[in-house]
Amino acid sequence: MKLTCALLVAGAYAKCGNFACVNEISASGCSGTCNQDGYCSAGGKTCSERLASNDWTNLRKYQSQTRAAGTAKRIDHNILGGIISRESRAGAALQTWNGQFGWGDCYGGTCYGFGLMQIDRRYHNPQGSWDSQKHIEQATQILIDTINCVGRNHSGWTLAQKTKGGVSGYNAGCGNVQTYDGMDIGTTGNDYSNDTCVRGQCFVEGSARTCPDQELGELCESQCRLEFLSCRDNCADSLCENQCLNTYSACVSSCPCFDDCPDGCSDCPHPLCFCKDPQINNPTYKQCIDEAGSQFKDCVNNCVANNTCFNACHEAFLSFASKCPCMSSCPGGCPCADGYHCQPFMTVLCEQPEGDKLGYKYIISADGHFKENRYYDTPEDKYLSNVGTAMLNGDFFIFGGGSDQRKIAKIADCGVEELSVRLLNDFKEGAIVTVPSSPDEVLLCSGFDPYIKCEEFDGQISRNNPFTLANHHVWGCMALDNNFPTIIGGGTVRQSELPNTAVVESLGISGWRRETDHPLAIRCMGCVSVEDGVVTLGGSQWIEGGDKMIKSVYLYRNKVWTTAGELQRIGGLGTTCFYGTHLFVFIGWAASDGDGKYAVERLAWNGTYVTEAVVINYEYQRCWNPVVFETAPDACTNACNDYCFP
């Protein structure tokens, strides 16, 4: 794409560190001798702009690096871009010399200039590879030293004049800069600073013209820069500063319009892109505005016919809305440090009718303050009863269960789509986990005959796993311990043994192997993978005479089990999720509680134990292993065609 350059208002780019912004510099463009590729028939700004346009595609590869160097050295990175274009055509003019690529300024079989910014090896010891951050920072420091030298020699010049003089001196030396109007006499082509600065100005305008989301990109870069400055201010040595700079460079690269997202928000995963048309693209923004609107409506309805009250409601609405993602208190979208509480929303589906109850389908926020019915169409009653579920390659799959123990289905929009592929074995009362591999797979170990066999589903087909478990694990659970599938506890069908088992087995390259037993003979518990381990929550402990429901939370790490806290209420046969720093347990069975209440609990997890357990919701009917998955807060709000909740 060709750039069409025009000088922007300098005030829009007023913050350029310790030196002038490139758009504050008066420059006339090239003299005609700078035309490396025959793209110009004459000199001036038009020629410099055309040459800059020709280098733009290559230069974008180094955008985050020049940004990082400019931020670290407190100088406009567009000046660096202009130098890179002039010196090496953004790398396109470089060649191999003495077996090393990255050289220019070659004549007589010898090369003298190294890298994108052509550091002269006769006067400096080049650092880093030809396109490295170290090289760009070294060249930037040489430029800054030259600007400061020109400033000392011409103390009466403006900052813009000193900066331009330093650009000229970068090519021909500080001593060559004698007068402002004649500073380029003696430089290569007698036009070095005039051409280079126009190229830099072109890159300022060009980046905005070629990327449709430049405003978001600039906001993103400014946030990265603030984080970098805060990081650097807390450093005590150069190693720390370099780490901050590397983090900054990676941060900028991920921004829309930069290295990882050159086309802006198109297919860009950066959170800021959700602030492009948030009323369309950002479900958390819409949820926040809906909450603000609901509070406003309640406030107005409680007002006596009084403008003062109405105005107060309006002010409260504006204050609430300002804290929403993409608004003034949270301009970068979630997470909002001082704004809206960004949190997961989970859809919960139950189709296990109990008496005259029909099950439930709703969405709930992680803090429990928002709960609303939702509609998902399923092929038949009890379709989701006692199923296994797993996320695989972005799809949420459903396996087996009471209605058809070999079915495979997945959530599709606001319904359930059954696949033509089938499981090889019945799956019910078993254990399931997604295993990272090439490709990722779901491992299913059934609670039914054959009790000690498992199968693997890769999203397309299912096949039997070649290894056999040593024990039965009916109503056991499975999670990943350092990426190894680990199945825990459960019941046994062998009459000579206790109904429950404490046995733990993990699957390695050579098959299943026995691990450290769970502290209890337990089944019907939830379990979830955490960093370097597995957590079990609640369940049913076998004691002489029968099952006893428990609240206990256990952590398995480094082959050792430790107590890690308690649930608020006893329970088992639930579904467990882990989001960020919180565990969520949707209890499906709590027979010995006696009050008919089945809790949804949120547990704060510090990496080693539960620091707080809070009940965020109750259901009043039993539902073994409810289907739970994260979803957008506005998902399936308008899908009530055939059946709606009252």
Foldseek 3Di string as FASTA:
>chain_A
DFFDFDQDDLVVVCQQFPFGALSVADFFFAQALLQPDPPDPGTTLVSLSRLLRQLVVLLLQCVLLLLLLSLVVRGHSLLLSLLLCSPCSSPPNWQDAPNATAFDPDDPNDTAFGASNTDGVVVDPADDHRRDSSRSNVLVVQLVVLLVLLCVVCVPDDRNLSSLLSQLCSFVHSVCQDDSVQSQVVGVSSRRSNSSSSSSSSVVRRLPVQAVPVVQLVVQLVVLSVQLVVQVVPDDDVVSNVVSSVSSSVSSCLAACHVVHVRGLDPRPQQQSCLPPVVPRPLQLVVQLVVLVVQLVVQVVPDDPDVVSNVVSVVSSVVSNCQGDCHVQHVRGPPGPPGDHDFFKKWWWFQDDDVPDGTATWIATLLLPDIDGFAEAEPDGCPQAQWDWEDAPNWIWTAAHDPGQWWIWTGDFRYIGTDPETHPDGAGQWEWEWFVDVHIWIKTQHLDPVQFWIWIGRPPYIDTDPATHPFGARQWYWEQQPRWIKTAKHAHPDPVDDRIFQWMWTQDPVGIDTAQGHPFRFGQWEKYDDVNWIKTAWGWGDDPPGTDTAFWIWIQHPRDIDTADGAPATAGLWYWDDDDQKIWTFGQDDPVVPPQKTFIWIFGHPRRHTPDIDTSDIDRHGGGYIDMDTDRPCGRPPVQDPHDDD
